[in-house]
Amino acid sequence: MEPRTQEVSFRGARGRKLEARLDLPARKPVAYVLFTHCFTCGGELFPARAISQALTEHGLGVLRFDFTEAEAEAHAEPQHDFTDVGDVRAAVDYLRKSHEAPRLLIGHSLGGTAVLRVASEIPEVKAVATLGAPFTPSQVHGLLAPVLREAEREGETRVRLGAGAMRISRHFLEELSEERMEECVGQPGRALLVMHAPADGVVGMGNARRIYEAARQPKSFVALEGADHLLSGPEDARFVAAVLGAWAGRYVGAREVEEQRESQPELSQGKVEVSEAGEGAFAQDIRVGRHRLRADEPTAYGGLDTGPSPYGLLAAALGACTAMTLRLYARKKGWPLERVSVTLNHGKVHAEDCQHCETKEGMVDRIDRRVKLEGPLSEDQRRRLLEIADRCPVHRSLESEIDVHTLLEEDETPTSTTTPLPPGEGRGEGIASPF
């Protein structure tokens, strides 16, 4: 099986080797995206990963690389590390030769300016999105503006960029001049999405206005209220990822993705399919019937936090089953239960502290479950519903003996036999009656 995330490289405009990542969906991509960013300059790649994940979930393959290639200050200054718009063209050529030309371009910061510059040169491109992009390099406050004259005079200059540095040349500035950007952004034939944080302290909000006004319809603008230039808040990165994923689907590959999903057979009731997502060390894609979920581990445990942990999903299953069971019971009794909510917390406790556990040594799993019942219920009704919570099918399964058979995919002969549960009994067949 082809890895879902691949490290790739290609030659840039000046012959230097550029490192990139190619993120692929579970099935054959319906289209490809080129995503150029400068998140590395802030030392945080979570926004790039989150955005790429949202796009792959829509069936798109994503080639992402840092447009600025910032070098750490402690390193010796390289000789051929100029930031160059030609690197974007080189990335497009790489995709065209190895897979197919991108139909969507996304650029963050100066990467956004660069993709706006080259979009009209790529006939396959259907849509362009920018994140915190300056209209021209001179609009980057406190970053490039003070040294532009030096680049024009000397032919090149080196500037600080976040935690690192980058080099720009006179050629770079000429490529992104006011006149050229006005002409390129105003070219018809592709959709545009401009996303910008009003409080962006690196690239002023006026840049978003200039890009939007210069472009032709269809065009959209989304204000990233409360975000900063590098989308350092995880909630901001997730919001951008969600919006980009939905917007891209409208212009690139939405119909093909839907056709793929319709052609993929729905899993039978009670069957769950889990496969590695190919992103990070632990991320998993989960299919349950016609539904798709994601599991991962928190960043503190080496994961990317792209989904709940396995124990989080286990607790969620217990909580959902509890609420469903109480609703079913209250409906049968005709009780005025208006709303049920369940809060759960999983942890480990010493066996000797568990009064009801047969195990008396070591540690045992413990799930604290807090049930909230809303509505004009009597005390007897509330007490009875709390008793019923312990009778939900998932609760019973967790407390009973569970027989798990593990087989290799090519081995269809189980080591023992099992008797299927009748409909309505078991975790995969709905809620069995607890009364």
Protein backbone atom coordinates (compact mmCIF):
# COMPACT_ATOMS: atom_id res chain seq x y z
CA MET A 1 0.00 0.00 0.00
CA GLU A 2 1.34 3.42 -0.96
CA PRO A 3 2.23 5.59 2.09
CA ARG A 4 -0.33 8.29 2.79
CA THR A 5 2.39 10.85 3.57
CA GLN A 6 5.57 10.83 1.50
CA GLU A 7 8.71 12.90 1.73
CA VAL A 8 9.60 14.10 -1.75
CA SER A 9 12.11 16.48 -3.27
CA PHE A 10 12.51 18.38 -6.51
CA ARG A 11 14.83 20.93 -8.05
CA GLY A 12 13.85 24.56 -7.58
CA ALA A 13 14.28 27.48 -9.91
CA ARG A 14 17.99 27.90 -9.13
CA GLY A 15 18.82 24.21 -9.06
CA ARG A 16 18.65 23.83 -5.29
CA LYS A 17 16.99 20.78 -3.79
CA LEU A 18 13.60 21.58 -2.24
CA GLU A 19 12.07 19.28 0.36
CA ALA A 20 8.31 18.75 0.38
CA ARG A 21 5.59 16.42 1.62
CA LEU A 22 2.95 14.74 -0.49
CA ASP A 23 -0.20 13.88 1.48
CA LEU A 24 -2.61 11.46 -0.18
CA PRO A 25 -6.20 10.46 0.57
CA ALA A 26 -7.22 6.88 1.30
CA ARG A 27 -8.27 6.33 -2.31
CA LYS A 28 -6.86 7.59 -5.59
CA PRO A 29 -6.84 11.42 -5.49
CA VAL A 30 -9.53 13.08 -7.58
CA ALA A 31 -7.25 16.12 -8.01
CA TYR A 32 -4.03 17.61 -6.66
CA VAL A 33 -3.31 20.73 -4.64
CA LEU A 34 -0.12 22.75 -4.34
CA PHE A 35 0.18 24.33 -0.88
CA THR A 36 3.03 26.79 -0.36
CA HIS A 37 3.47 28.27 3.10
CA CYS A 38 5.96 29.77 5.52
CA PHE A 39 4.77 28.19 8.77
CA THR A 40 8.24 26.75 9.33
CA CYS A 41 9.52 30.25 10.05
CA GLY A 42 7.46 30.15 13.24
CA GLY A 43 8.69 26.69 14.16
CA GLU A 44 5.18 25.20 14.05
CA LEU A 45 3.81 22.99 11.28
CA PHE A 46 0.45 22.11 12.85
CA PRO A 47 -1.48 24.56 10.61
CA ALA A 48 0.04 23.03 7.47
CA ARG A 49 -0.79 19.51 8.65
CA ALA A 50 -4.34 20.43 9.65
CA ILE A 51 -5.07 22.13 6.34
CA SER A 52 -3.59 19.27 4.35
CA GLN A 53 -5.62 16.72 6.31
CA ALA A 54 -8.85 18.60 5.62
CA LEU A 55 -8.07 18.55 1.90
CA THR A 56 -7.14 14.87 1.78
CA GLU A 57 -10.41 14.06 3.52
CA HIS A 58 -12.08 15.65 0.50
CA GLY A 59 -10.21 13.27 -1.79
CA LEU A 60 -7.40 15.63 -2.79
CA GLY A 61 -3.67 14.93 -2.94
CA VAL A 62 -1.61 17.76 -1.41
CA LEU A 63 1.98 18.71 -2.18
CA ARG A 64 3.10 21.12 0.56
CA PHE A 65 6.41 22.87 1.03
CA ASP A 66 7.82 25.92 2.76
CA PHE A 67 8.13 28.63 0.14
CA THR A 68 10.64 30.70 2.11
CA GLU A 69 12.92 27.80 3.11
CA ALA A 70 14.00 29.73 6.23
CA GLU A 71 17.44 28.75 7.54
CA ALA A 72 18.21 28.70 11.25
CA GLU A 73 20.42 31.59 12.30
CA ALA A 74 22.98 29.22 13.76
CA HIS A 75 23.62 27.71 10.33
CA ALA A 76 26.17 29.09 7.93
CA GLU A 77 24.55 31.20 5.27
CA PRO A 78 23.92 28.99 2.22
CA GLN A 79 24.98 30.23 -1.20
CA HIS A 80 21.90 29.41 -3.27
CA ASP A 81 18.89 29.69 -0.98
CA PHE A 82 17.15 32.66 -2.60
CA THR A 83 13.39 32.71 -2.22
CA ASP A 84 12.13 32.52 -5.79
CA VAL A 85 8.70 32.52 -7.41
CA GLY A 86 10.20 30.01 -9.82
CA ASP A 87 10.14 27.46 -6.97
CA VAL A 88 6.35 27.44 -7.21
CA ARG A 89 6.59 26.82 -10.94
CA ALA A 90 9.07 24.00 -10.24
CA ALA A 91 6.62 22.43 -7.77
CA VAL A 92 3.86 22.60 -10.38
CA ASP A 93 6.13 20.92 -12.92
CA TYR A 94 7.00 18.21 -10.39
CA LEU A 95 3.32 17.43 -9.81
CA ARG A 96 2.54 17.53 -13.51
CA LYS A 97 5.31 15.03 -14.32
CA SER A 98 4.88 12.69 -11.33
CA HIS A 99 1.08 12.77 -10.96
CA GLU A 100 -0.91 15.56 -12.61
CA ALA A 101 -0.94 19.35 -12.56
CA PRO A 102 -2.60 20.94 -9.51
CA ARG A 103 -6.13 22.25 -9.91
CA LEU A 104 -5.98 24.22 -6.67
CA LEU A 105 -3.22 26.53 -5.40
CA ILE A 106 -3.06 27.58 -1.75
CA GLY A 107 -0.49 30.01 -0.42
CA HIS A 108 0.27 31.35 3.03
CA SER A 109 2.10 34.65 3.59
CA LEU A 110 4.62 35.23 0.77
CA GLY A 111 3.63 31.83 -0.58
CA GLY A 112 0.17 33.32 -1.17
CA THR A 113 1.67 36.20 -3.16
CA ALA A 114 3.67 33.70 -5.21
CA VAL A 115 0.69 31.49 -6.12
CA LEU A 116 -1.31 34.56 -7.14
CA ARG A 117 1.59 35.50 -9.41
CA VAL A 118 1.77 32.15 -11.24
CA ALA A 119 -1.88 31.00 -11.21
CA SER A 120 -2.65 32.50 -14.62
CA GLU A 121 0.26 30.53 -16.14
CA ILE A 122 -1.25 27.16 -15.18
CA PRO A 123 -4.29 26.31 -17.33
CA GLU A 124 -5.32 23.40 -15.09
CA VAL A 125 -5.82 25.63 -12.03
CA LYS A 126 -9.49 26.13 -11.15
CA ALA A 127 -9.16 27.91 -7.82
CA VAL A 128 -6.68 29.85 -5.65
CA ALA A 129 -6.75 30.51 -1.89
CA THR A 130 -4.52 32.84 0.12
CA LEU A 131 -3.85 32.98 3.87
CA GLY A 132 -2.43 36.20 5.28
CA ALA A 133 -0.84 37.03 1.94
CA PRO A 134 0.70 40.43 1.14
CA PHE A 135 -0.23 42.01 -2.18
CA THR A 136 3.47 42.66 -2.74
CA PRO A 137 6.57 41.94 -0.58
CA SER A 138 6.80 45.63 0.35
CA GLN A 139 3.59 45.23 2.37
CA VAL A 140 5.13 42.86 4.94
CA HIS A 141 5.43 45.11 7.99
CA GLY A 142 8.77 45.02 9.78
CA LEU A 143 10.05 42.17 7.64
CA LEU A 144 10.97 43.09 4.09
CA ALA A 145 10.09 46.76 3.76
CA PRO A 146 13.21 48.11 5.55
CA VAL A 147 15.59 46.13 3.35
CA LEU A 148 13.98 46.31 -0.06
CA ARG A 149 16.16 49.18 -1.21
CA GLU A 150 19.23 47.18 -0.25
CA ALA A 151 18.07 44.28 -2.40
CA GLU A 152 17.41 46.60 -5.30
CA ARG A 153 20.81 48.26 -4.88
CA GLU A 154 22.97 45.20 -4.12
CA GLY A 155 20.98 42.61 -6.08
CA GLU A 156 20.18 40.56 -2.97
CA THR A 157 19.70 40.80 0.78
CA ARG A 158 19.17 38.56 3.78
CA VAL A 159 16.31 39.22 6.18
CA ARG A 160 15.09 37.70 9.42
CA LEU A 161 11.92 35.64 9.19
CA GLY A 162 10.46 34.45 12.47
CA ALA A 163 12.94 32.07 14.07
CA GLY A 164 15.13 31.96 10.98
CA ALA A 165 16.16 33.96 7.95
CA MET A 166 15.70 34.06 4.19
CA ARG A 167 17.42 35.64 1.22
CA ILE A 168 15.66 37.59 -1.49
CA SER A 169 16.93 38.93 -4.77
CA ARG A 170 16.14 41.82 -7.08
CA HIS A 171 14.59 39.29 -9.45
CA PHE A 172 12.17 38.17 -6.71
CA LEU A 173 11.01 41.75 -6.16
CA GLU A 174 10.57 42.33 -9.88
CA GLU A 175 8.45 39.19 -10.20
CA LEU A 176 6.10 40.47 -7.47
CA SER A 177 6.00 44.13 -8.43
CA GLU A 178 2.78 46.15 -8.08
CA GLU A 179 2.18 46.20 -11.84
CA ARG A 180 2.64 42.47 -12.31
CA MET A 181 0.49 41.57 -9.32
CA GLU A 182 -2.35 43.83 -10.50
CA GLU A 183 -2.26 42.14 -13.88
CA CYS A 184 -2.00 38.55 -12.57
CA VAL A 185 -4.64 38.81 -9.84
CA GLY A 186 -7.08 40.39 -12.27
CA GLN A 187 -6.89 37.49 -14.74
CA PRO A 188 -10.30 35.77 -15.09
CA GLY A 189 -11.02 32.07 -15.13
CA ARG A 190 -10.53 30.84 -11.56
CA ALA A 191 -12.21 31.14 -8.16
CA LEU A 192 -10.48 33.01 -5.33
CA LEU A 193 -10.71 32.71 -1.55
CA VAL A 194 -8.94 35.36 0.55
CA MET A 195 -8.50 34.55 4.26
CA HIS A 196 -6.89 37.12 6.52
CA ALA A 197 -6.69 37.94 10.23
CA PRO A 198 -7.75 41.52 11.05
CA ALA A 199 -5.14 41.56 13.85
CA ASP A 200 -2.32 40.22 11.64
CA GLY A 201 0.74 42.15 12.83
CA VAL A 202 2.95 41.00 9.95
CA VAL A 203 0.74 41.54 6.91
CA GLY A 204 -1.82 44.30 7.25
CA MET A 205 -5.51 43.81 6.51
CA GLY A 206 -5.29 46.26 3.61
CA ASN A 207 -3.52 43.56 1.59
CA ALA A 208 -6.58 41.34 1.69
CA ARG A 209 -8.69 44.23 0.46
CA ARG A 210 -6.31 44.91 -2.44
CA ILE A 211 -6.23 41.26 -3.49
CA TYR A 212 -10.00 40.96 -3.29
CA GLU A 213 -10.67 44.16 -5.22
CA ALA A 214 -8.18 43.30 -7.96
CA ALA A 215 -9.70 39.85 -8.54
CA ARG A 216 -12.74 38.99 -10.61
CA GLN A 217 -15.72 36.88 -9.58
CA PRO A 218 -16.17 34.28 -8.23
CA LYS A 219 -14.33 35.48 -5.14
CA SER A 220 -14.85 35.17 -1.40
CA PHE A 221 -13.36 36.67 1.76
CA VAL A 222 -13.16 35.18 5.27
CA ALA A 223 -11.94 37.24 8.23
CA LEU A 224 -9.95 35.16 10.74
CA GLU A 225 -11.02 37.00 13.86
CA GLY A 226 -8.57 36.61 16.75
CA ALA A 227 -5.95 34.74 14.71
CA ASP A 228 -2.34 35.78 14.12
CA HIS A 229 -0.21 35.58 11.00
CA LEU A 230 1.08 32.05 11.72
CA LEU A 231 -2.28 30.64 12.91
CA SER A 232 -0.50 29.64 16.11
CA GLY A 233 -3.79 28.97 17.89
CA PRO A 234 -4.85 25.36 17.12
CA GLU A 235 -8.50 26.41 16.97
CA ASP A 236 -7.65 29.00 14.30
CA ALA A 237 -5.76 26.45 12.21
CA ARG A 238 -8.65 23.98 12.48
CA PHE A 239 -11.15 26.64 11.43
CA VAL A 240 -9.08 27.56 8.38
CA ALA A 241 -8.71 23.87 7.52
CA ALA A 242 -12.46 23.26 7.74
CA VAL A 243 -13.33 26.28 5.59
CA LEU A 244 -10.67 25.47 2.99
CA GLY A 245 -11.78 21.86 2.76
CA ALA A 246 -15.42 22.77 2.21
CA TRP A 247 -14.61 25.60 -0.22
CA ALA A 248 -12.19 23.50 -2.26
CA GLY A 249 -14.78 20.79 -2.67
CA ARG A 250 -17.05 23.25 -4.48
CA TYR A 251 -14.51 23.91 -7.20
CA VAL A 252 -12.15 20.94 -7.24
CA GLY A 253 -13.19 17.31 -7.23
CA ALA A 254 -16.41 17.45 -5.18
CA ARG A 255 -18.40 15.42 -7.70
CA GLU A 256 -15.63 12.86 -8.12
CA VAL A 257 -15.30 12.41 -4.34
CA GLU A 258 -19.03 11.83 -4.01
CA GLU A 259 -18.91 9.28 -6.82
CA GLN A 260 -16.02 7.51 -5.10
CA ARG A 261 -17.90 7.35 -1.83
CA GLU A 262 -21.04 6.07 -3.52
CA SER A 263 -19.03 3.38 -5.30
CA GLN A 264 -17.40 2.27 -2.04
CA PRO A 265 -19.60 -0.44 -0.52
CA GLU A 266 -21.10 0.41 2.86
CA LEU A 267 -19.79 -1.78 5.65
CA SER A 268 -22.27 -4.24 7.07
CA GLN A 269 -23.84 -3.53 10.44
CA GLY A 270 -21.43 -4.33 13.25
CA LYS A 271 -18.33 -4.21 11.05
CA VAL A 272 -15.61 -1.61 11.64
CA GLU A 273 -12.61 -1.00 9.41
CA VAL A 274 -9.49 0.78 10.72
CA SER A 275 -6.43 1.66 8.62
CA GLU A 276 -3.41 3.86 9.11
CA ALA A 277 -3.95 7.40 7.88
CA GLY A 278 -0.28 7.79 6.97
CA GLU A 279 -0.03 11.05 8.89
CA GLY A 280 2.19 11.10 11.95
CA ALA A 281 2.92 8.02 14.03
CA PHE A 282 -0.57 7.05 15.20
CA ALA A 283 -3.39 8.62 13.13
CA GLN A 284 -6.02 6.10 11.99
CA ASP A 285 -8.92 6.33 9.55
CA ILE A 286 -12.04 4.53 10.74
CA ARG A 287 -15.06 3.36 8.74
CA VAL A 288 -18.25 2.37 10.54
CA GLY A 289 -21.10 1.62 8.16
CA ARG A 290 -21.20 4.70 5.92
CA HIS A 291 -19.49 6.92 8.51
CA ARG A 292 -15.86 8.01 8.64
CA LEU A 293 -13.97 8.89 11.81
CA ARG A 294 -10.38 9.65 12.81
CA ALA A 295 -8.40 8.40 15.81
CA ASP A 296 -5.02 9.66 16.99
CA GLU A 297 -2.99 10.32 20.12
CA PRO A 298 -2.43 13.73 21.77
CA THR A 299 0.75 15.57 20.87
CA ALA A 300 2.06 14.92 24.40
CA TYR A 301 2.13 11.20 23.53
CA GLY A 302 3.74 11.60 20.13
CA GLY A 303 0.59 11.95 18.04
CA LEU A 304 -0.78 14.84 16.01
CA ASP A 305 -4.09 15.15 17.89
CA THR A 306 -6.10 14.87 14.65
CA GLY A 307 -8.78 12.82 16.40
CA PRO A 308 -9.73 11.33 19.75
CA SER A 309 -7.56 8.64 21.30
CA PRO A 310 -8.70 4.99 21.33
CA TYR A 311 -9.63 5.32 25.00
CA GLY A 312 -11.46 8.53 24.16
CA LEU A 313 -13.50 6.63 21.58
CA LEU A 314 -14.12 3.85 24.10
CA ALA A 315 -15.44 6.32 26.67
CA ALA A 316 -17.49 8.04 23.97
CA ALA A 317 -19.11 4.70 23.09
CA LEU A 318 -20.07 4.17 26.73
CA GLY A 319 -21.43 7.69 27.04
CA ALA A 320 -23.47 7.46 23.84
CA CYS A 321 -24.87 4.07 24.78
CA THR A 322 -25.78 5.36 28.25
CA ALA A 323 -27.70 8.35 26.88
CA MET A 324 -29.50 6.24 24.26
CA THR A 325 -30.50 3.65 26.83
CA LEU A 326 -31.89 6.26 29.24
CA ARG A 327 -33.83 7.91 26.41
CA LEU A 328 -35.28 4.58 25.34
CA TYR A 329 -36.32 3.71 28.90
CA ALA A 330 -37.83 7.13 29.64
CA ARG A 331 -39.78 7.07 26.37
CA LYS A 332 -41.22 3.64 27.17
CA LYS A 333 -42.26 4.82 30.65
CA GLY A 334 -43.60 8.12 29.38
CA TRP A 335 -41.41 10.08 31.78
CA PRO A 336 -40.67 13.80 31.15
CA LEU A 337 -36.97 13.41 30.40
CA GLU A 338 -36.05 16.46 28.30
CA ARG A 339 -32.32 15.97 27.82
CA VAL A 340 -29.53 13.58 28.81
CA SER A 341 -25.83 14.42 28.89
CA VAL A 342 -23.02 12.17 30.05
CA THR A 343 -19.50 13.21 31.08
CA LEU A 344 -16.84 10.53 31.31
CA ASN A 345 -13.24 10.39 32.46
CA HIS A 346 -10.96 7.40 31.94
CA GLY A 347 -7.98 6.67 34.13
CA LYS A 348 -6.14 4.05 36.19
CA VAL A 349 -6.59 3.33 39.90
CA HIS A 350 -5.00 0.90 42.33
CA ALA A 351 -6.93 -2.37 42.37
CA GLU A 352 -7.11 -2.25 46.17
CA ASP A 353 -9.11 0.98 45.90
CA CYS A 354 -11.79 -0.69 43.74
CA GLN A 355 -14.45 -2.19 46.00
CA HIS A 356 -16.20 -4.12 43.22
CA CYS A 357 -13.13 -5.44 41.35
CA GLU A 358 -12.07 -9.07 41.53
CA THR A 359 -8.48 -8.01 40.84
CA LYS A 360 -6.78 -6.94 44.07
CA GLU A 361 -3.25 -6.18 42.90
CA GLY A 362 -1.77 -3.69 40.46
CA MET A 363 -3.79 -1.13 38.53
CA VAL A 364 -7.23 -1.39 36.96
CA ASP A 365 -9.05 0.80 34.46
CA ARG A 366 -11.64 3.13 35.85
CA ILE A 367 -14.22 5.24 34.04
CA ASP A 368 -15.98 7.91 36.06
CA ARG A 369 -19.38 8.59 34.52
CA ARG A 370 -21.49 11.59 35.48
CA VAL A 371 -25.07 11.62 34.17
CA LYS A 372 -27.10 14.82 33.93
CA LEU A 373 -30.87 14.46 33.60
CA GLU A 374 -32.93 17.50 32.62
CA GLY A 375 -36.69 17.76 32.94
CA PRO A 376 -39.39 17.68 35.70
CA LEU A 377 -38.52 14.17 36.89
CA SER A 378 -39.36 12.90 40.35
CA GLU A 379 -36.62 11.68 42.67
CA ASP A 380 -37.76 8.08 42.18
CA GLN A 381 -37.58 8.50 38.40
CA ARG A 382 -34.09 9.97 38.60
CA ARG A 383 -32.91 7.17 40.88
CA ARG A 384 -34.35 4.53 38.55
CA LEU A 385 -32.73 6.11 35.48
CA LEU A 386 -29.36 6.10 37.25
CA GLU A 387 -29.80 2.37 37.88
CA ILE A 388 -30.68 1.83 34.22
CA ALA A 389 -27.45 3.57 33.17
CA ASP A 390 -25.53 0.54 34.45
CA ARG A 391 -27.60 -1.70 32.18
CA CYS A 392 -26.70 -0.15 28.84
CA PRO A 393 -25.27 -2.77 26.41
CA VAL A 394 -21.80 -1.23 26.17
CA HIS A 395 -21.55 -1.07 29.98
CA ARG A 396 -22.49 -4.74 30.15
CA SER A 397 -19.91 -5.63 27.50
CA LEU A 398 -17.16 -3.75 29.33
CA GLU A 399 -17.91 -5.54 32.58
CA SER A 400 -18.37 -9.00 31.06
CA GLU A 401 -15.89 -11.40 29.53
CA ILE A 402 -15.01 -10.38 25.97
CA ASP A 403 -13.58 -12.85 23.46
CA VAL A 404 -11.43 -11.10 20.81
CA HIS A 405 -10.17 -13.13 17.82
CA THR A 406 -7.17 -11.77 15.91
CA LEU A 407 -6.54 -13.15 12.41
CA LEU A 408 -4.21 -12.27 9.56
CA GLU A 409 -6.09 -10.84 6.57
CA GLU A 410 -5.19 -13.80 4.35
CA ASP A 411 -6.12 -16.31 7.10
CA GLU A 412 -9.86 -16.92 6.98
CA THR A 413 -9.86 -19.90 9.33
CA PRO A 414 -10.54 -18.76 12.92
CA THR A 415 -8.99 -20.59 15.82
CA SER A 416 -12.41 -20.99 17.41
CA THR A 417 -16.02 -20.37 16.53
CA THR A 418 -18.45 -17.79 17.76
CA THR A 419 -22.21 -17.59 17.70
CA PRO A 420 -23.53 -14.37 16.13
CA LEU A 421 -25.79 -12.32 18.35
CA PRO A 422 -29.39 -11.90 17.21
CA PRO A 423 -30.41 -8.46 15.87
CA GLY A 424 -30.68 -5.84 18.60
CA GLU A 425 -28.06 -7.40 20.82
CA GLY A 426 -24.42 -6.34 20.78
CA ARG A 427 -22.49 -3.17 20.24
CA GLY A 428 -22.77 -3.16 16.47
CA GLU A 429 -26.50 -3.92 16.21
CA GLY A 430 -28.11 -1.00 18.03
CA ILE A 431 -29.29 -0.66 21.61
CA ALA A 432 -30.68 -3.83 23.11
CA SER A 433 -33.52 -3.41 25.58
CA PRO A 434 -32.12 -3.07 29.12
CA PHE A 435 -35.44 -3.96 30.78
